[in-house]
Protein backbone atom coordinates (compact mmCIF):
# COMPACT_ATOMS: atom_id res chain seq x y z
CA MET A 1 1.15 3.71 27.79
CA LEU A 2 2.25 5.53 24.64
CA LEU A 3 5.91 6.31 23.85
CA SER A 4 7.24 8.71 21.25
CA GLN A 5 10.46 10.30 20.01
CA PHE A 6 10.80 13.94 19.04
CA ILE A 7 13.23 16.83 18.60
CA ASP A 8 13.08 19.24 21.53
CA ALA A 9 13.43 23.03 21.55
CA ASP A 10 17.22 22.70 21.84
CA GLY A 11 17.41 20.53 18.73
CA GLN A 12 18.10 17.39 20.77
CA ARG A 13 16.41 14.04 20.57
CA ALA A 14 14.03 13.19 23.41
CA VAL A 15 11.62 10.46 24.47
CA ALA A 16 8.15 11.14 25.83
CA ALA A 17 5.57 8.96 27.54
CA ARG A 18 1.89 9.38 28.25
CA THR A 19 -1.33 7.54 28.80
CA PRO A 20 -4.12 8.18 26.24
CA GLY A 21 -5.88 11.45 26.94
CA MET A 22 -3.06 12.75 29.14
CA ASP A 23 -0.22 15.19 28.45
CA ALA A 24 3.11 13.73 27.37
CA ARG A 25 6.13 14.09 29.64
CA VAL A 26 9.80 13.73 28.86
CA VAL A 27 11.39 10.46 29.99
CA GLU A 28 14.61 11.30 31.84
CA GLY A 29 18.01 9.84 31.04
CA VAL A 30 17.38 8.51 27.50
CA ARG A 31 17.23 10.04 24.03
CA ARG A 32 16.14 6.93 22.11
CA ILE A 33 13.40 4.38 22.69
CA TYR A 34 16.02 1.86 21.55
CA ASP A 35 18.15 2.75 24.58
CA LEU A 36 15.13 2.65 26.88
CA ALA A 37 14.29 -0.85 25.61
CA ALA A 38 17.90 -2.02 26.00
CA LEU A 39 17.83 -0.89 29.65
CA ALA A 40 14.53 -2.71 30.21
CA ILE A 41 15.89 -5.92 28.69
CA ALA A 42 19.09 -5.73 30.75
CA GLY A 43 17.05 -5.12 33.91
CA LYS A 44 14.54 -7.87 33.06
CA ARG A 45 11.63 -5.48 33.37
CA GLY A 46 8.90 -4.17 31.09
CA LEU A 47 9.06 -0.87 29.24
CA ALA A 48 6.44 0.79 31.45
CA ALA A 49 8.43 -0.20 34.54
CA GLN A 50 11.62 1.14 32.95
CA VAL A 51 9.91 4.45 32.18
CA ALA A 52 8.83 4.73 35.82
CA LEU A 53 12.37 3.95 36.94
CA GLN A 54 13.82 6.63 34.64
CA GLY A 55 11.43 9.25 35.96
CA PHE A 56 9.66 12.13 34.23
CA GLY A 57 10.69 15.60 33.20
CA ALA A 58 8.78 18.48 31.67
CA THR A 59 5.39 18.26 30.01
CA VAL A 60 5.55 18.53 26.23
CA ASP A 61 2.95 19.21 23.54
CA LEU A 62 3.73 16.60 20.89
CA THR A 63 1.58 18.37 18.31
CA GLN A 64 4.07 21.26 18.38
CA MET A 65 7.24 19.19 18.12
CA PRO A 66 9.03 17.61 15.12
CA LEU A 67 8.21 13.93 15.55
CA LEU A 68 10.50 10.99 14.81
CA SER A 69 9.57 7.39 14.14
CA PRO A 70 8.85 5.70 17.50
CA ILE A 71 11.83 3.39 16.89
CA ASP A 72 15.03 3.71 14.91
CA HIS A 73 18.60 2.45 14.97
CA SER A 74 21.87 4.39 14.95
CA ASP A 75 22.88 2.15 12.02
CA ALA A 76 19.97 2.02 9.55
CA GLY A 77 21.26 -1.26 8.14
CA HIS A 78 20.36 -2.97 11.41
CA LEU A 79 16.66 -2.08 11.17
CA HIS A 80 14.51 -4.33 8.99
CA ILE A 81 11.06 -3.47 7.62
CA THR A 82 9.00 -6.52 6.67
CA GLY A 83 5.36 -7.48 6.42
CA THR A 84 2.68 -10.06 5.87
CA GLY A 85 -0.30 -9.95 3.53
CA LEU A 86 -3.70 -11.63 3.19
CA THR A 87 -4.05 -11.69 6.96
CA HIS A 88 -7.22 -9.63 7.39
CA LEU A 89 -10.81 -10.60 6.78
CA GLY A 90 -11.80 -8.99 3.51
CA SER A 91 -8.25 -8.34 2.30
CA ALA A 92 -8.24 -11.29 -0.06
CA SER A 93 -11.12 -9.91 -2.11
CA ALA A 94 -9.33 -6.57 -2.54
CA ARG A 95 -6.08 -8.27 -3.55
CA ASP A 96 -7.90 -10.73 -5.79
CA ALA A 97 -9.64 -7.88 -7.62
CA MET A 98 -6.20 -6.47 -8.48
CA HIS A 99 -4.81 -9.55 -10.17
CA LYS A 100 -7.30 -12.25 -11.15
CA LYS A 101 -5.85 -15.13 -13.07
CA LEU A 102 -7.25 -16.37 -16.33
CA ASP A 103 -7.63 -20.11 -15.89
CA ALA A 104 -8.93 -22.51 -18.52
CA ALA A 105 -10.20 -24.82 -15.80
CA GLY A 106 -13.08 -22.47 -15.07
CA ALA A 107 -14.15 -19.42 -13.09
CA GLU A 108 -14.39 -21.39 -9.86
CA THR A 109 -10.66 -22.03 -9.73
CA LEU A 110 -9.09 -20.15 -6.83
CA THR A 111 -6.31 -17.67 -7.52
CA ASP A 112 -3.07 -17.95 -5.57
CA SER A 113 -4.24 -15.06 -3.39
CA MET A 114 -7.47 -16.81 -2.48
CA LYS A 115 -5.63 -20.07 -1.80
CA MET A 116 -3.29 -18.26 0.58
CA PHE A 117 -6.18 -16.50 2.29
CA ARG A 118 -8.02 -19.81 2.69
CA LEU A 119 -4.94 -21.35 4.29
CA GLY A 120 -4.99 -18.56 6.86
CA LEU A 121 -8.69 -19.01 7.58
CA ASP A 122 -8.19 -22.72 8.10
CA GLY A 123 -4.91 -22.68 10.02
CA GLY A 124 -3.83 -19.16 10.95
CA LYS A 125 -5.17 -19.27 14.49
CA PRO A 126 -3.70 -22.39 16.11
CA ALA A 127 -4.20 -23.34 19.74
CA ALA A 128 -1.80 -21.73 22.19
CA GLY A 129 1.61 -23.32 21.89
CA ASP A 130 0.94 -24.78 18.44
CA VAL A 131 2.29 -23.50 15.13
CA GLY A 132 -0.18 -22.46 12.46
CA VAL A 133 0.15 -22.08 8.71
CA GLN A 134 2.75 -19.59 7.47
CA PRO A 135 1.45 -16.38 5.91
CA GLU A 136 2.47 -14.50 2.81
CA TRP A 137 5.66 -12.58 3.70
CA PHE A 138 7.60 -9.77 2.07
CA TYR A 139 10.64 -7.56 2.65
CA LYS A 140 10.44 -3.78 2.35
CA GLY A 141 13.91 -2.64 3.27
CA THR A 142 16.12 -1.26 6.01
CA GLY A 143 15.87 1.72 8.30
CA ALA A 144 16.90 3.87 5.33
CA GLY A 145 13.29 3.51 4.18
CA LEU A 146 11.65 4.36 7.50
CA ILE A 147 10.02 7.77 7.07
CA ALA A 148 9.19 9.97 10.07
CA PRO A 149 5.58 10.93 10.80
CA GLY A 150 4.71 14.10 8.91
CA ALA A 151 7.54 13.72 6.42
CA PRO A 152 6.85 13.03 2.72
CA LEU A 153 6.63 9.42 1.58
CA PRO A 154 8.87 9.41 -1.50
CA SER A 155 7.73 7.44 -4.52
CA PRO A 156 10.49 6.85 -7.10
CA ASP A 157 9.87 8.29 -10.54
CA PHE A 158 9.87 4.81 -12.09
CA ALA A 159 6.90 3.74 -9.93
CA LEU A 160 3.51 3.22 -11.54
CA ASP A 161 1.58 4.01 -8.35
CA GLY A 162 2.09 5.24 -4.82
CA GLY A 163 -0.70 4.00 -2.58
CA GLU A 164 -1.27 3.73 1.14
CA GLU A 165 -1.79 0.54 3.12
CA PRO A 166 -2.99 1.30 6.67
CA GLU A 167 -1.67 -1.35 9.04
CA ILE A 168 -0.55 -2.14 12.56
CA ALA A 169 3.17 -2.72 12.96
CA GLY A 170 4.89 -4.75 15.63
CA VAL A 171 8.18 -3.26 16.85
CA TYR A 172 10.94 -5.56 18.14
CA LEU A 173 14.48 -5.45 19.51
CA ILE A 174 16.62 -8.59 19.42
CA GLY A 175 18.33 -9.32 22.73
CA ALA A 176 21.93 -10.37 23.25
CA ASP A 177 20.96 -14.06 23.24
CA GLY A 178 18.86 -13.78 20.07
CA THR A 179 15.51 -13.45 21.84
CA PRO A 180 13.03 -11.16 20.05
CA PHE A 181 11.53 -8.66 22.49
CA ARG A 182 8.34 -6.95 21.38
CA LEU A 183 8.42 -3.31 22.43
CA GLY A 184 4.88 -2.53 21.32
CA PHE A 185 2.69 -1.68 18.35
CA ALA A 186 2.39 1.37 16.11
CA LEU A 187 0.20 2.62 13.31
CA GLY A 188 1.86 1.99 9.96
CA ASN A 189 1.55 3.07 6.34
CA GLU A 190 2.91 0.16 4.29
CA PHE A 191 3.30 2.29 1.19
CA SER A 192 3.23 0.18 -2.03
CA ASP A 193 3.02 0.25 -5.83
CA HIS A 194 -0.27 -1.50 -6.56
CA VAL A 195 -0.20 -0.99 -10.32
CA THR A 196 3.13 -2.81 -10.57
CA GLU A 197 1.75 -5.62 -8.43
CA ARG A 198 -1.36 -5.89 -10.57
CA GLN A 199 0.70 -6.45 -13.74
CA ASN A 200 1.87 -9.81 -12.44
CA TYR A 201 1.74 -11.27 -8.96
CA LEU A 202 5.44 -12.14 -9.27
CA TYR A 203 6.07 -8.39 -9.19
CA LEU A 204 4.83 -8.29 -5.59
CA ALA A 205 8.42 -8.16 -4.30
CA HIS A 206 9.17 -5.15 -6.52
CA SER A 207 5.97 -3.39 -5.48
CA LYS A 208 6.89 -3.64 -1.80
CA LEU A 209 10.37 -2.10 -2.13
CA ARG A 210 9.10 1.31 -1.07
CA PRO A 211 9.48 3.34 2.12
CA ALA A 212 7.09 3.08 5.05
CA SER A 213 6.08 5.27 7.96
CA ILE A 214 5.04 4.27 11.48
CA GLY A 215 3.89 6.09 14.59
CA PRO A 216 3.85 8.74 15.79
CA GLU A 217 3.36 6.86 19.08
CA LEU A 218 4.24 3.36 20.22
CA LEU A 219 1.51 1.51 22.13
CA ILE A 220 3.01 -0.50 24.99
CA GLY A 221 1.31 -3.76 25.98
CA GLU A 222 -0.92 -6.15 24.09
CA LEU A 223 -2.64 -5.24 20.84
CA PRO A 224 -6.39 -4.70 21.35
CA LYS A 225 -8.38 -7.55 19.82
CA ASP A 226 -10.58 -5.12 17.91
CA CYS A 227 -8.82 -2.01 16.58
CA ARG A 228 -11.14 0.41 14.80
CA GLY A 229 -10.10 3.62 13.13
CA THR A 230 -10.10 5.50 9.86
CA SER A 231 -7.91 5.66 6.77
CA ARG A 232 -8.30 8.74 4.59
CA ILE A 233 -6.63 10.67 1.80
CA LEU A 234 -6.70 14.47 1.77
CA ARG A 235 -6.24 16.47 -1.43
CA ASP A 236 -5.91 20.24 -1.25
CA GLY A 237 -7.21 20.09 2.31
CA ALA A 238 -10.40 18.20 1.46
CA VAL A 239 -11.19 14.52 1.99
CA LEU A 240 -10.71 12.68 -1.30
CA TRP A 241 -11.33 9.19 0.10
CA GLU A 242 -12.19 7.78 3.51
CA LYS A 243 -12.90 4.31 4.84
CA PRO A 244 -13.01 2.54 8.20
CA PHE A 245 -9.80 0.74 9.15
CA LEU A 246 -10.10 -2.46 11.18
CA SER A 247 -7.33 -4.58 12.64
CA GLY A 248 -6.62 -6.69 15.71
CA GLU A 249 -7.08 -10.44 15.93
CA ASP A 250 -10.89 -10.23 15.89
CA ASN A 251 -10.56 -8.92 12.33
CA MET A 252 -7.71 -11.17 11.22
CA SER A 253 -7.26 -14.69 9.88
CA HIS A 254 -3.98 -15.13 11.80
CA THR A 255 -2.96 -14.56 15.40
CA ILE A 256 -0.19 -12.08 16.12
CA ALA A 257 1.78 -14.91 17.74
CA ASN A 258 1.57 -16.98 14.56
CA LEU A 259 2.76 -14.10 12.39
CA GLU A 260 5.62 -13.41 14.81
CA HIS A 261 6.66 -17.07 14.87
CA HIS A 262 6.92 -17.33 11.10
CA HIS A 263 9.04 -14.18 10.93
CA PHE A 264 11.43 -14.92 13.76
CA LYS A 265 11.82 -18.63 12.96
CA TYR A 266 14.59 -17.47 10.62
CA ALA A 267 17.92 -17.05 12.43
CA LEU A 268 18.70 -14.19 10.04
CA PHE A 269 16.06 -12.15 11.88
CA ARG A 270 17.39 -12.94 15.38
CA GLN A 271 20.69 -11.07 15.23
CA PRO A 272 21.48 -9.36 18.57
CA GLY A 273 20.87 -5.62 18.57
CA ASP A 274 18.78 -5.55 15.40
CA VAL A 275 15.41 -3.78 15.26
CA HIS A 276 12.43 -5.16 13.35
CA VAL A 277 9.33 -3.31 12.18
CA HIS A 278 6.88 -6.00 11.05
CA LEU A 279 3.62 -4.90 9.40
CA PHE A 280 0.64 -7.19 9.90
CA GLY A 281 -1.47 -6.48 6.81
CA THR A 282 -4.70 -4.68 5.99
CA ALA A 283 -8.14 -5.05 4.46
CA THR A 284 -8.45 -1.39 3.41
CA LEU A 285 -6.96 0.05 0.22
CA SER A 286 -7.97 3.19 -1.64
CA PHE A 287 -6.55 1.59 -4.78
CA ALA A 288 -9.20 -1.13 -4.59
CA ASP A 289 -11.80 1.67 -4.83
CA GLY A 290 -10.24 3.09 -8.00
CA ILE A 291 -8.34 5.95 -6.35
CA THR A 292 -5.21 7.23 -8.12
CA THR A 293 -3.00 9.31 -5.85
CA LYS A 294 -0.86 12.26 -6.89
CA PRO A 295 1.97 14.28 -5.29
CA GLY A 296 0.74 16.44 -2.43
CA ASP A 297 -2.00 14.04 -1.35
CA VAL A 298 -1.87 13.43 2.40
CA PHE A 299 -2.38 9.95 3.85
CA GLU A 300 -3.92 9.90 7.33
CA ILE A 301 -4.37 6.81 9.50
CA SER A 302 -5.95 7.02 12.94
CA VAL A 303 -6.99 4.59 15.68
CA PRO A 304 -7.92 6.13 19.06
CA GLU A 305 -5.87 3.68 21.16
CA PHE A 306 -2.72 4.63 19.25
CA GLY A 307 -2.79 8.32 20.11
CA LEU A 308 -1.87 10.85 17.46
CA PRO A 309 -2.78 10.05 13.84
CA LEU A 310 -0.11 9.08 11.32
CA ARG A 311 0.05 11.62 8.48
CA ASN A 312 2.39 11.70 5.48
CA PRO A 313 2.15 13.60 2.19
CA LEU A 314 3.04 11.82 -1.06
CA SER A 315 6.03 13.02 -3.07
CA VAL A 316 7.75 11.80 -6.24
CA VAL A 317 11.54 11.75 -6.32
CA SER A 318 14.09 11.17 -9.06
CA SER A 319 15.56 7.69 -8.87
CA ASN A 320 18.95 8.78 -10.32
CA VAL A 321 20.00 5.19 -10.97
CA PRO A 322 23.75 5.18 -11.69
CA PRO A 323 25.19 2.64 -14.12
CA VAL A 324 27.06 -0.28 -12.65
CA VAL A 325 30.83 0.20 -12.83
CA ALA A 326 33.03 -2.86 -13.26
CA LEU A 327 36.28 -2.83 -11.27
């Protein structure tokens, strides 16, 4: 099942549900997926069962409606956007090409990126019930940086680059007792500044403090083991760059369960009522192929199982950094 949020003809929020290939229908009685999930948790039932309990309203053409992110929070400060890197087969070589270290010990010395990737290969897929090696982890921001599908991804004017990272995101709601409940998975664009990162790997944290977009639809249930789609950049309506996008555990060096464990092991991320959007990494970057984006370029990420493609144009915005005022 696929869930989405949109603005209806009356200017009101609405939730829709559909199965792939079928028309979407309004889910009765709720205006947020957050509220739908809260009802499911309280009733100790799955989201699909809660949708069935709510019942269906009118059919809706999602391609004609203003779409919202498939999760949000009424208080943006209680939504956290985070991610992991070097989790996909092939991603280490792309990252390594961006910031190779000069090492007097010789060319065979592994960079920090390759060491981290090797750790994942060796210990990122533990047996069920065991804990594997922890991945690279980063923080992107709060719900203030979650951009709706179709809306421009704003790059601050101090950025050196604005590049896409096509990923799968896990979406979670923390229950009243601190239990993380996974609502589903969505396509994600983990928008980053790769030129800043390339200057020095210690700038990784800076490079990740950019907005992100997910959706438009939320896939309920388990993530397919082999997700295959396409990442492309359109410029003036023509394809500037295109490459296959692969994800799912068959194409990863970590299990989803291992990545989830190492995020939610921190009590900070188990605060009741909080929402988490956790991006699982990628092996596909246009930047690694020498592409330099510019305002107006459109990022498009598609995987058939996830329904509608995720599209966002690139924009550049003034940072307007005010001076600090001492009180």
